[in-house]
Amino acid sequence: QSFQADAAREAGIFHHLITLPTYHTAALSTDNLAKEYFGEQGMLGYVAGVQRKEIRQGIACVKHQNMAGSDMGDDHKEYFAGEAALKAAGEDNTMNQFG
């Protein structure tokens, strides 16, 4: 239980959570999601098991379009193509659903 604090103190470094725990967390969560998403739950496996939890915990990646710069890309497309621009944003996109 005190491994991180003990190792950091003994080695005189700050211990980052970037290796073993995050690797296994990613593998476990991906496996669990895949079982639900491609199983009986379908998309609800993602919504209930991931998306709702992100929203309730205030995890920023729920607005991934904004984090990826979709709004800037849309502005660029609209500048050159006007109304014909095929944009990622819009009133009904997922980013705006979680205002």
N, C-alpha and C. Protein backbone atom coordinates (compact mmCIF):
# COMPACT_ATOMS: atom_id res chain seq x y z
N GLN A 1 0.82 -1.20 0.00
CA GLN A 1 0.00 0.00 0.00
C GLN A 1 0.86 1.26 0.00
N SER A 2 1.98 1.23 0.65
CA SER A 2 2.83 2.43 0.73
C SER A 2 3.99 2.39 -0.26
N PHE A 3 3.93 1.49 -1.24
CA PHE A 3 5.03 1.32 -2.19
C PHE A 3 5.45 2.63 -2.86
N GLN A 4 4.46 3.39 -3.39
CA GLN A 4 4.80 4.62 -4.12
C GLN A 4 5.53 5.60 -3.21
N ALA A 5 5.00 5.82 -2.02
CA ALA A 5 5.61 6.78 -1.09
C ALA A 5 6.98 6.29 -0.62
N ASP A 6 7.08 5.00 -0.32
CA ASP A 6 8.36 4.45 0.15
C ASP A 6 9.42 4.52 -0.94
N ALA A 7 9.06 4.12 -2.17
CA ALA A 7 10.01 4.13 -3.27
C ALA A 7 10.46 5.55 -3.59
N ALA A 8 9.51 6.48 -3.58
CA ALA A 8 9.85 7.87 -3.88
C ALA A 8 10.78 8.43 -2.80
N ARG A 9 10.50 8.13 -1.55
CA ARG A 9 11.32 8.62 -0.45
C ARG A 9 12.72 8.02 -0.50
N GLU A 10 12.82 6.72 -0.70
CA GLU A 10 14.10 6.03 -0.73
C GLU A 10 14.96 6.45 -1.92
N ALA A 11 14.32 6.64 -3.06
CA ALA A 11 15.06 6.99 -4.26
C ALA A 11 15.22 8.51 -4.42
N GLY A 12 14.48 9.26 -3.62
CA GLY A 12 14.55 10.71 -3.72
C GLY A 12 13.93 11.24 -5.00
N ILE A 13 12.87 10.57 -5.47
CA ILE A 13 12.19 10.99 -6.71
C ILE A 13 10.69 11.07 -6.49
N PHE A 14 10.03 11.69 -7.42
CA PHE A 14 8.57 11.71 -7.43
C PHE A 14 8.11 10.54 -8.29
N HIS A 15 7.24 9.70 -7.77
CA HIS A 15 6.77 8.51 -8.48
C HIS A 15 5.56 8.87 -9.35
N HIS A 16 5.68 8.66 -10.64
CA HIS A 16 4.59 8.94 -11.57
C HIS A 16 3.75 7.69 -11.81
N LEU A 17 2.47 7.87 -11.99
CA LEU A 17 1.55 6.78 -12.30
C LEU A 17 1.44 6.66 -13.83
N ILE A 18 2.48 6.11 -14.45
CA ILE A 18 2.48 6.06 -15.92
C ILE A 18 2.78 4.69 -16.50
N THR A 19 3.13 3.74 -15.68
CA THR A 19 3.59 2.49 -16.26
C THR A 19 2.67 1.32 -15.93
N LEU A 20 3.06 0.48 -15.03
CA LEU A 20 2.33 -0.76 -14.77
C LEU A 20 0.85 -0.56 -14.45
N PRO A 21 0.48 0.29 -13.49
CA PRO A 21 -0.95 0.43 -13.18
C PRO A 21 -1.78 0.96 -14.35
N THR A 22 -1.25 1.93 -15.09
CA THR A 22 -2.04 2.47 -16.20
C THR A 22 -2.15 1.49 -17.35
N TYR A 23 -1.11 0.73 -17.59
CA TYR A 23 -1.15 -0.29 -18.64
C TYR A 23 -2.24 -1.31 -18.33
N HIS A 24 -2.25 -1.81 -17.10
CA HIS A 24 -3.23 -2.82 -16.72
C HIS A 24 -4.65 -2.24 -16.62
N THR A 25 -4.77 -1.01 -16.18
CA THR A 25 -6.08 -0.36 -16.12
C THR A 25 -6.67 -0.23 -17.52
N ALA A 26 -5.86 0.20 -18.46
CA ALA A 26 -6.32 0.34 -19.85
C ALA A 26 -6.73 -1.01 -20.43
N ALA A 27 -5.93 -2.04 -20.17
CA ALA A 27 -6.25 -3.37 -20.69
C ALA A 27 -7.55 -3.90 -20.09
N LEU A 28 -7.70 -3.77 -18.79
CA LEU A 28 -8.90 -4.27 -18.12
C LEU A 28 -10.15 -3.53 -18.56
N SER A 29 -10.08 -2.20 -18.61
CA SER A 29 -11.27 -1.43 -18.99
C SER A 29 -11.64 -1.67 -20.45
N THR A 30 -10.66 -1.83 -21.32
CA THR A 30 -10.93 -2.11 -22.73
C THR A 30 -11.58 -3.48 -22.89
N ASP A 31 -11.07 -4.47 -22.16
CA ASP A 31 -11.65 -5.81 -22.22
C ASP A 31 -13.10 -5.80 -21.72
N ASN A 32 -13.33 -5.12 -20.59
CA ASN A 32 -14.69 -5.06 -20.05
C ASN A 32 -15.63 -4.33 -20.99
N LEU A 33 -15.18 -3.24 -21.58
CA LEU A 33 -16.00 -2.50 -22.53
C LEU A 33 -16.33 -3.37 -23.74
N ALA A 34 -15.33 -4.05 -24.28
CA ALA A 34 -15.55 -4.88 -25.47
C ALA A 34 -16.59 -5.97 -25.21
N LYS A 35 -16.55 -6.57 -24.04
CA LYS A 35 -17.52 -7.62 -23.70
C LYS A 35 -18.94 -7.07 -23.70
N GLU A 36 -19.12 -5.87 -23.17
CA GLU A 36 -20.45 -5.25 -23.13
C GLU A 36 -20.85 -4.72 -24.50
N TYR A 37 -19.95 -3.96 -25.13
CA TYR A 37 -20.24 -3.28 -26.40
C TYR A 37 -20.57 -4.26 -27.51
N PHE A 38 -19.84 -5.38 -27.57
CA PHE A 38 -20.09 -6.39 -28.60
C PHE A 38 -20.96 -7.53 -28.09
N GLY A 39 -21.44 -7.39 -26.86
CA GLY A 39 -22.32 -8.39 -26.28
C GLY A 39 -23.77 -7.91 -26.26
N GLU A 40 -24.50 -8.35 -25.27
CA GLU A 40 -25.92 -8.04 -25.17
C GLU A 40 -26.21 -6.55 -24.95
N GLN A 41 -25.33 -5.85 -24.25
CA GLN A 41 -25.59 -4.44 -23.93
C GLN A 41 -25.42 -3.51 -25.14
N GLY A 42 -24.57 -3.88 -26.07
CA GLY A 42 -24.33 -3.02 -27.23
C GLY A 42 -23.83 -1.65 -26.81
N MET A 43 -24.35 -0.62 -27.43
CA MET A 43 -23.91 0.75 -27.14
C MET A 43 -24.16 1.14 -25.68
N LEU A 44 -25.16 0.54 -25.05
CA LEU A 44 -25.43 0.84 -23.64
C LEU A 44 -24.25 0.44 -22.76
N GLY A 45 -23.48 -0.55 -23.19
CA GLY A 45 -22.28 -0.93 -22.45
C GLY A 45 -21.30 0.23 -22.36
N TYR A 46 -21.19 1.00 -23.44
CA TYR A 46 -20.34 2.19 -23.44
C TYR A 46 -20.99 3.33 -22.65
N VAL A 47 -22.25 3.59 -22.94
CA VAL A 47 -22.94 4.71 -22.29
C VAL A 47 -22.97 4.55 -20.78
N ALA A 48 -23.42 3.39 -20.30
CA ALA A 48 -23.55 3.17 -18.86
C ALA A 48 -22.21 2.93 -18.19
N GLY A 49 -21.33 2.20 -18.87
CA GLY A 49 -20.06 1.82 -18.25
C GLY A 49 -18.95 2.85 -18.35
N VAL A 50 -19.07 3.78 -19.30
CA VAL A 50 -18.00 4.76 -19.51
C VAL A 50 -18.53 6.19 -19.51
N GLN A 51 -19.37 6.50 -20.49
CA GLN A 51 -19.78 7.88 -20.72
C GLN A 51 -20.48 8.51 -19.51
N ARG A 52 -21.43 7.83 -18.93
CA ARG A 52 -22.15 8.40 -17.77
C ARG A 52 -21.20 8.61 -16.59
N LYS A 53 -20.27 7.70 -16.41
CA LYS A 53 -19.29 7.85 -15.33
C LYS A 53 -18.39 9.05 -15.57
N GLU A 54 -17.97 9.25 -16.82
CA GLU A 54 -17.16 10.43 -17.16
C GLU A 54 -17.91 11.71 -16.84
N ILE A 55 -19.17 11.75 -17.23
CA ILE A 55 -19.99 12.95 -17.00
C ILE A 55 -20.14 13.20 -15.50
N ARG A 56 -20.49 12.18 -14.75
CA ARG A 56 -20.71 12.33 -13.30
C ARG A 56 -19.44 12.73 -12.56
N GLN A 57 -18.29 12.27 -13.06
CA GLN A 57 -17.03 12.58 -12.40
C GLN A 57 -16.36 13.84 -12.96
N GLY A 58 -16.98 14.46 -13.96
CA GLY A 58 -16.45 15.68 -14.54
C GLY A 58 -15.17 15.46 -15.33
N ILE A 59 -15.04 14.29 -15.97
CA ILE A 59 -13.86 13.99 -16.77
C ILE A 59 -13.94 14.78 -18.08
N ALA A 60 -12.91 15.55 -18.37
CA ALA A 60 -12.93 16.48 -19.51
C ALA A 60 -13.08 15.79 -20.86
N CYS A 61 -12.62 14.55 -21.01
CA CYS A 61 -12.61 13.93 -22.34
C CYS A 61 -14.01 13.65 -22.86
N VAL A 62 -15.04 13.84 -22.05
CA VAL A 62 -16.40 13.66 -22.56
C VAL A 62 -16.68 14.67 -23.68
N LYS A 63 -15.93 15.76 -23.70
CA LYS A 63 -16.05 16.76 -24.78
C LYS A 63 -14.87 16.60 -25.74
N HIS A 64 -14.66 15.39 -26.22
CA HIS A 64 -13.49 15.08 -27.03
C HIS A 64 -13.43 15.84 -28.35
N GLN A 65 -14.57 16.22 -28.92
CA GLN A 65 -14.52 16.98 -30.17
C GLN A 65 -13.79 18.30 -29.95
N ASN A 66 -14.11 18.97 -28.85
CA ASN A 66 -13.47 20.24 -28.55
C ASN A 66 -11.99 20.04 -28.25
N MET A 67 -11.66 19.00 -27.51
CA MET A 67 -10.26 18.73 -27.17
C MET A 67 -9.44 18.42 -28.42
N ALA A 68 -10.07 17.84 -29.43
CA ALA A 68 -9.37 17.50 -30.66
C ALA A 68 -9.33 18.66 -31.66
N GLY A 69 -10.00 19.77 -31.32
CA GLY A 69 -9.96 20.93 -32.19
C GLY A 69 -10.99 20.94 -33.29
N SER A 70 -12.06 20.16 -33.13
CA SER A 70 -13.09 20.11 -34.19
C SER A 70 -13.67 21.47 -34.49
N ASP A 71 -13.80 22.31 -33.47
CA ASP A 71 -14.36 23.64 -33.71
C ASP A 71 -13.47 24.46 -34.63
N MET A 72 -12.16 24.36 -34.45
CA MET A 72 -11.24 25.08 -35.34
C MET A 72 -11.30 24.52 -36.76
N GLY A 73 -11.38 23.19 -36.86
CA GLY A 73 -11.49 22.56 -38.18
C GLY A 73 -12.76 22.97 -38.88
N ASP A 74 -13.86 23.05 -38.12
CA ASP A 74 -15.13 23.47 -38.70
C ASP A 74 -15.07 24.91 -39.19
N ASP A 75 -14.44 25.78 -38.42
CA ASP A 75 -14.29 27.17 -38.85
C ASP A 75 -13.53 27.25 -40.17
N HIS A 76 -12.48 26.46 -40.28
CA HIS A 76 -11.67 26.44 -41.50
C HIS A 76 -12.50 25.95 -42.68
N LYS A 77 -13.24 24.84 -42.49
CA LYS A 77 -14.08 24.30 -43.57
C LYS A 77 -15.14 25.30 -43.99
N GLU A 78 -15.77 25.94 -43.01
CA GLU A 78 -16.83 26.89 -43.32
C GLU A 78 -16.28 28.11 -44.07
N TYR A 79 -15.09 28.53 -43.72
CA TYR A 79 -14.47 29.67 -44.40
C TYR A 79 -14.32 29.39 -45.89
N PHE A 80 -13.89 28.17 -46.23
CA PHE A 80 -13.65 27.83 -47.63
C PHE A 80 -14.86 27.27 -48.36
N ALA A 81 -15.76 26.59 -47.64
CA ALA A 81 -16.88 25.94 -48.31
C ALA A 81 -18.23 26.54 -47.98
N GLY A 82 -18.29 27.47 -47.04
CA GLY A 82 -19.55 28.10 -46.67
C GLY A 82 -20.57 27.10 -46.17
N GLU A 83 -21.79 27.22 -46.65
CA GLU A 83 -22.88 26.34 -46.21
C GLU A 83 -22.67 24.88 -46.62
N ALA A 84 -21.80 24.64 -47.61
CA ALA A 84 -21.55 23.28 -48.09
C ALA A 84 -20.55 22.54 -47.21
N ALA A 85 -20.02 23.20 -46.20
CA ALA A 85 -19.01 22.58 -45.34
C ALA A 85 -19.59 21.40 -44.58
N LEU A 86 -18.87 20.28 -44.60
CA LEU A 86 -19.25 19.10 -43.83
C LEU A 86 -18.55 19.22 -42.47
N LYS A 87 -19.29 19.68 -41.46
CA LYS A 87 -18.69 20.01 -40.17
C LYS A 87 -18.96 18.93 -39.13
N ALA A 88 -18.07 18.85 -38.15
CA ALA A 88 -18.24 17.91 -37.05
C ALA A 88 -19.20 18.45 -36.00
N ALA A 89 -19.26 19.76 -35.86
CA ALA A 89 -20.07 20.38 -34.82
C ALA A 89 -21.52 20.51 -35.26
N GLY A 90 -22.30 21.08 -34.41
CA GLY A 90 -23.71 21.30 -34.71
C GLY A 90 -24.52 21.15 -33.45
N GLU A 91 -25.74 21.55 -33.52
CA GLU A 91 -26.62 21.53 -32.35
C GLU A 91 -26.75 20.14 -31.74
N ASP A 92 -26.74 19.11 -32.57
CA ASP A 92 -26.99 17.76 -32.08
C ASP A 92 -25.74 16.90 -31.90
N ASN A 93 -24.55 17.48 -32.03
CA ASN A 93 -23.37 16.63 -31.88
C ASN A 93 -23.17 16.24 -30.42
N THR A 94 -22.38 15.21 -30.18
CA THR A 94 -22.24 14.69 -28.82
C THR A 94 -21.61 15.69 -27.87
N MET A 95 -20.71 16.55 -28.36
CA MET A 95 -20.08 17.52 -27.48
C MET A 95 -21.12 18.46 -26.87
N ASN A 96 -22.10 18.86 -27.65
CA ASN A 96 -23.12 19.78 -27.16
C ASN A 96 -24.17 19.11 -26.30
N GLN A 97 -24.23 17.81 -26.31
CA GLN A 97 -25.21 17.10 -25.50
C GLN A 97 -24.86 17.17 -24.01
N PHE A 98 -23.60 17.45 -23.71
CA PHE A 98 -23.16 17.40 -22.32
C PHE A 98 -22.76 18.77 -21.81
N GLY A 99 -23.37 19.84 -22.37
CA GLY A 99 -23.11 21.22 -22.07
C GLY A 99 -22.63 21.51 -20.73
